[in-house]
Amino acid sequence: MAVVQNRSLTLKAKFFRGLADPSRLALLEALRGGEKTVSELVAATGLSQPNASAHLACLKECGLVTSRPQGRFVYYALADPRIEDLLRIAEGILADVAAQVYACTRYEG
C-alpha cells in the first residue's frame, strides 16, 4: 500500500512541478480565454516564440493542452476544463493567503 501511495504522491508532485514553472503557468493562464496560436500566446505572455513553443510541447506531452492545425496556424487550448477550475481555485486560495505565500522563505521563485 505504501508503494502505491508513494507513486501517487510522486505523480502529483510531478504534476505540480509542471505547473510551478512561470512560463508554463503563463501559457495556461493565457489559454483560459480560449484557444490561441503561438504568436497570440507570445504576445499575451511576453515569452519568445521558441520558448513558448518548447513549453507548449511540454504541456501537450503531459496532456494539459491540445493543439489543432488550421491552415498555416496551430491553435492551442486547455485539454481539460478542470485546468481552468484548478487555476480559479488557486486564485481563491491565494486571495486568503497571498501575504503568507509572498512572505514564505522556503519556496523561492
C-alpha atoms as a PDB file:
ATOM      1  CA  MET A   1       0.000   0.000   0.000  1.00  0.00           C
ATOM      2  CA  ALA A   2       2.822   2.438   0.816  1.00  0.00           C
ATOM      3  CA  VAL A   3       4.367   1.885  -2.651  1.00  0.00           C
ATOM      4  CA  VAL A   4       1.074   2.742  -4.377  1.00  0.00           C
ATOM      5  CA  GLN A   5       0.651   5.840  -2.197  1.00  0.00           C
ATOM      6  CA  ASN A   6       4.260   6.838  -2.874  1.00  0.00           C
ATOM      7  CA  ARG A   7       3.689   6.556  -6.656  1.00  0.00           C
ATOM      8  CA  SER A   8       0.550   8.648  -6.339  1.00  0.00           C
ATOM      9  CA  LEU A   9       2.361  11.332  -4.360  1.00  0.00           C
ATOM     10  CA  THR A  10       5.276  11.293  -6.801  1.00  0.00           C
ATOM     11  CA  LEU A  11       2.893  11.742  -9.733  1.00  0.00           C
ATOM     12  CA  LYS A  12       1.059  14.607  -8.003  1.00  0.00           C
ATOM     13  CA  ALA A  13       4.362  16.294  -7.182  1.00  0.00           C
ATOM     14  CA  LYS A  14       5.443  15.978 -10.823  1.00  0.00           C
ATOM     15  CA  PHE A  15       2.120  17.495 -11.941  1.00  0.00           C
ATOM     16  CA  PHE A  16       2.508  20.471  -9.606  1.00  0.00           C
ATOM     17  CA  ARG A  17       6.189  20.940 -10.581  1.00  0.00           C
ATOM     18  CA  GLY A  18       4.964  21.319 -14.156  1.00  0.00           C
ATOM     19  CA  LEU A  19       2.520  23.995 -13.076  1.00  0.00           C
ATOM     20  CA  ALA A  20       5.177  25.702 -10.956  1.00  0.00           C
ATOM     21  CA  ASP A  21       7.164  26.892 -13.965  1.00  0.00           C
ATOM     22  CA  PRO A  22       6.221  30.562 -14.542  1.00  0.00           C
ATOM     23  CA  SER A  23       6.373  30.221 -18.345  1.00  0.00           C
ATOM     24  CA  ARG A  24       4.103  27.170 -18.456  1.00  0.00           C
ATOM     25  CA  LEU A  25       1.739  28.752 -15.953  1.00  0.00           C
ATOM     26  CA  ALA A  26       1.625  31.940 -18.048  1.00  0.00           C
ATOM     27  CA  LEU A  27       0.689  29.883 -21.111  1.00  0.00           C
ATOM     28  CA  LEU A  28      -2.070  28.069 -19.225  1.00  0.00           C
ATOM     29  CA  GLU A  29      -3.367  31.392 -17.897  1.00  0.00           C
ATOM     30  CA  ALA A  30      -3.387  32.835 -21.423  1.00  0.00           C
ATOM     31  CA  LEU A  31      -5.367  29.831 -22.666  1.00  0.00           C
ATOM     32  CA  ARG A  32      -8.092  30.350 -20.071  1.00  0.00           C
ATOM     33  CA  GLY A  33      -9.793  32.709 -22.508  1.00  0.00           C
ATOM     34  CA  GLY A  34      -9.908  30.109 -25.279  1.00  0.00           C
ATOM     35  CA  GLU A  35      -7.661  28.704 -27.941  1.00  0.00           C
ATOM     36  CA  LYS A  36      -4.792  30.747 -29.313  1.00  0.00           C
ATOM     37  CA  THR A  37      -1.971  30.465 -31.810  1.00  0.00           C
ATOM     38  CA  VAL A  38       1.669  30.517 -30.737  1.00  0.00           C
ATOM     39  CA  SER A  39       2.007  34.116 -31.926  1.00  0.00           C
ATOM     40  CA  GLU A  40      -1.041  35.124 -29.852  1.00  0.00           C
ATOM     41  CA  LEU A  41       0.424  33.320 -26.846  1.00  0.00           C
ATOM     42  CA  VAL A  42       3.775  35.045 -27.355  1.00  0.00           C
ATOM     43  CA  ALA A  43       2.002  38.409 -27.392  1.00  0.00           C
ATOM     44  CA  ALA A  44      -0.059  37.522 -24.306  1.00  0.00           C
ATOM     45  CA  THR A  45       2.829  36.167 -22.234  1.00  0.00           C
ATOM     46  CA  GLY A  46       5.904  38.052 -23.414  1.00  0.00           C
ATOM     47  CA  LEU A  47       7.731  34.767 -23.984  1.00  0.00           C
ATOM     48  CA  SER A  48       9.913  34.329 -27.047  1.00  0.00           C
ATOM     49  CA  GLN A  49       8.456  32.163 -29.798  1.00  0.00           C
ATOM     50  CA  PRO A  50      10.996  29.340 -29.308  1.00  0.00           C
ATOM     51  CA  ASN A  51      10.478  29.403 -25.529  1.00  0.00           C
ATOM     52  CA  ALA A  52       6.688  29.376 -25.855  1.00  0.00           C
ATOM     53  CA  SER A  53       6.827  26.542 -28.385  1.00  0.00           C
ATOM     54  CA  ALA A  54       9.094  24.454 -26.145  1.00  0.00           C
ATOM     55  CA  HIS A  55       6.805  24.923 -23.138  1.00  0.00           C
ATOM     56  CA  LEU A  56       3.703  24.212 -25.233  1.00  0.00           C
ATOM     57  CA  ALA A  57       5.304  20.961 -26.394  1.00  0.00           C
ATOM     58  CA  CYS A  58       5.884  20.032 -22.743  1.00  0.00           C
ATOM     59  CA  LEU A  59       2.311  20.932 -21.771  1.00  0.00           C
ATOM     60  CA  LYS A  60       0.965  18.966 -24.737  1.00  0.00           C
ATOM     61  CA  GLU A  61       3.119  15.923 -23.946  1.00  0.00           C
ATOM     62  CA  CYS A  62       1.789  15.986 -20.371  1.00  0.00           C
ATOM     63  CA  GLY A  63      -1.812  16.186 -21.590  1.00  0.00           C
ATOM     64  CA  LEU A  64      -2.535  19.678 -20.281  1.00  0.00           C
ATOM     65  CA  VAL A  65      -3.026  21.358 -23.671  1.00  0.00           C
ATOM     66  CA  THR A  66      -4.208  20.214 -27.075  1.00  0.00           C
ATOM     67  CA  SER A  67      -3.299  21.523 -30.498  1.00  0.00           C
ATOM     68  CA  ARG A  68      -5.369  21.838 -33.630  1.00  0.00           C
ATOM     69  CA  PRO A  69      -3.853  22.689 -37.005  1.00  0.00           C
ATOM     70  CA  GLN A  70      -5.864  25.018 -39.211  1.00  0.00           C
ATOM     71  CA  GLY A  71      -4.279  26.203 -42.422  1.00  0.00           C
ATOM     72  CA  ARG A  72      -0.827  27.503 -41.631  1.00  0.00           C
ATOM     73  CA  PHE A  73      -1.608  28.026 -37.940  1.00  0.00           C
ATOM     74  CA  VAL A  74      -1.763  25.712 -34.946  1.00  0.00           C
ATOM     75  CA  TYR A  75      -4.286  26.564 -32.266  1.00  0.00           C
ATOM     76  CA  TYR A  76      -3.649  25.570 -28.661  1.00  0.00           C
ATOM     77  CA  ALA A  77      -6.296  25.091 -25.974  1.00  0.00           C
ATOM     78  CA  LEU A  78      -6.600  23.741 -22.459  1.00  0.00           C
ATOM     79  CA  ALA A  79      -7.062  19.983 -22.726  1.00  0.00           C
ATOM     80  CA  ASP A  80      -9.470  19.741 -19.808  1.00  0.00           C
ATOM     81  CA  PRO A  81     -11.849  22.363 -18.387  1.00  0.00           C
ATOM     82  CA  ARG A  82     -10.767  21.305 -14.891  1.00  0.00           C
ATOM     83  CA  ILE A  83      -7.453  23.078 -15.538  1.00  0.00           C
ATOM     84  CA  GLU A  84      -9.429  26.325 -15.629  1.00  0.00           C
ATOM     85  CA  ASP A  85     -11.123  25.241 -12.399  1.00  0.00           C
ATOM     86  CA  LEU A  86      -7.759  24.485 -10.782  1.00  0.00           C
ATOM     87  CA  LEU A  87      -6.395  27.917 -11.705  1.00  0.00           C
ATOM     88  CA  ARG A  88      -9.552  29.605 -10.379  1.00  0.00           C
ATOM     89  CA  ILE A  89      -9.378  27.624  -7.123  1.00  0.00           C
ATOM     90  CA  ALA A  90      -5.714  28.604  -6.737  1.00  0.00           C
ATOM     91  CA  GLU A  91      -6.719  32.262  -7.129  1.00  0.00           C
ATOM     92  CA  GLY A  92      -9.362  31.824  -4.430  1.00  0.00           C
ATOM     93  CA  ILE A  93      -6.901  30.242  -2.031  1.00  0.00           C
ATOM     94  CA  LEU A  94      -4.320  32.934  -2.780  1.00  0.00           C
ATOM     95  CA  ALA A  95      -6.901  35.619  -2.062  1.00  0.00           C
ATOM     96  CA  ASP A  96      -6.855  34.353   1.527  1.00  0.00           C
ATOM     97  CA  VAL A  97      -3.154  33.513   1.983  1.00  0.00           C
ATOM     98  CA  ALA A  98      -1.273  35.694  -0.513  1.00  0.00           C
ATOM     99  CA  ALA A  99       0.590  37.653   2.173  1.00  0.00           C
ATOM    100  CA  GLN A 100       1.845  34.457   3.802  1.00  0.00           C
ATOM    101  CA  VAL A 101       2.840  32.887   0.487  1.00  0.00           C
ATOM    102  CA  TYR A 102       4.628  36.075  -0.541  1.00  0.00           C
ATOM    103  CA  ALA A 103       6.495  36.180   2.786  1.00  0.00           C
ATOM    104  CA  CYS A 104       7.383  32.474   2.714  1.00  0.00           C
ATOM    105  CA  THR A 105      11.145  31.999   2.503  1.00  0.00           C
ATOM    106  CA  ARG A 106      11.051  28.229   1.990  1.00  0.00           C
ATOM    107  CA  TYR A 107       9.847  28.368  -1.619  1.00  0.00           C
ATOM    108  CA  GLU A 108      11.642  30.923  -3.704  1.00  0.00           C
ATOM    109  CA  GLY A 109      10.856  31.553  -7.308  1.00  0.00           C
END
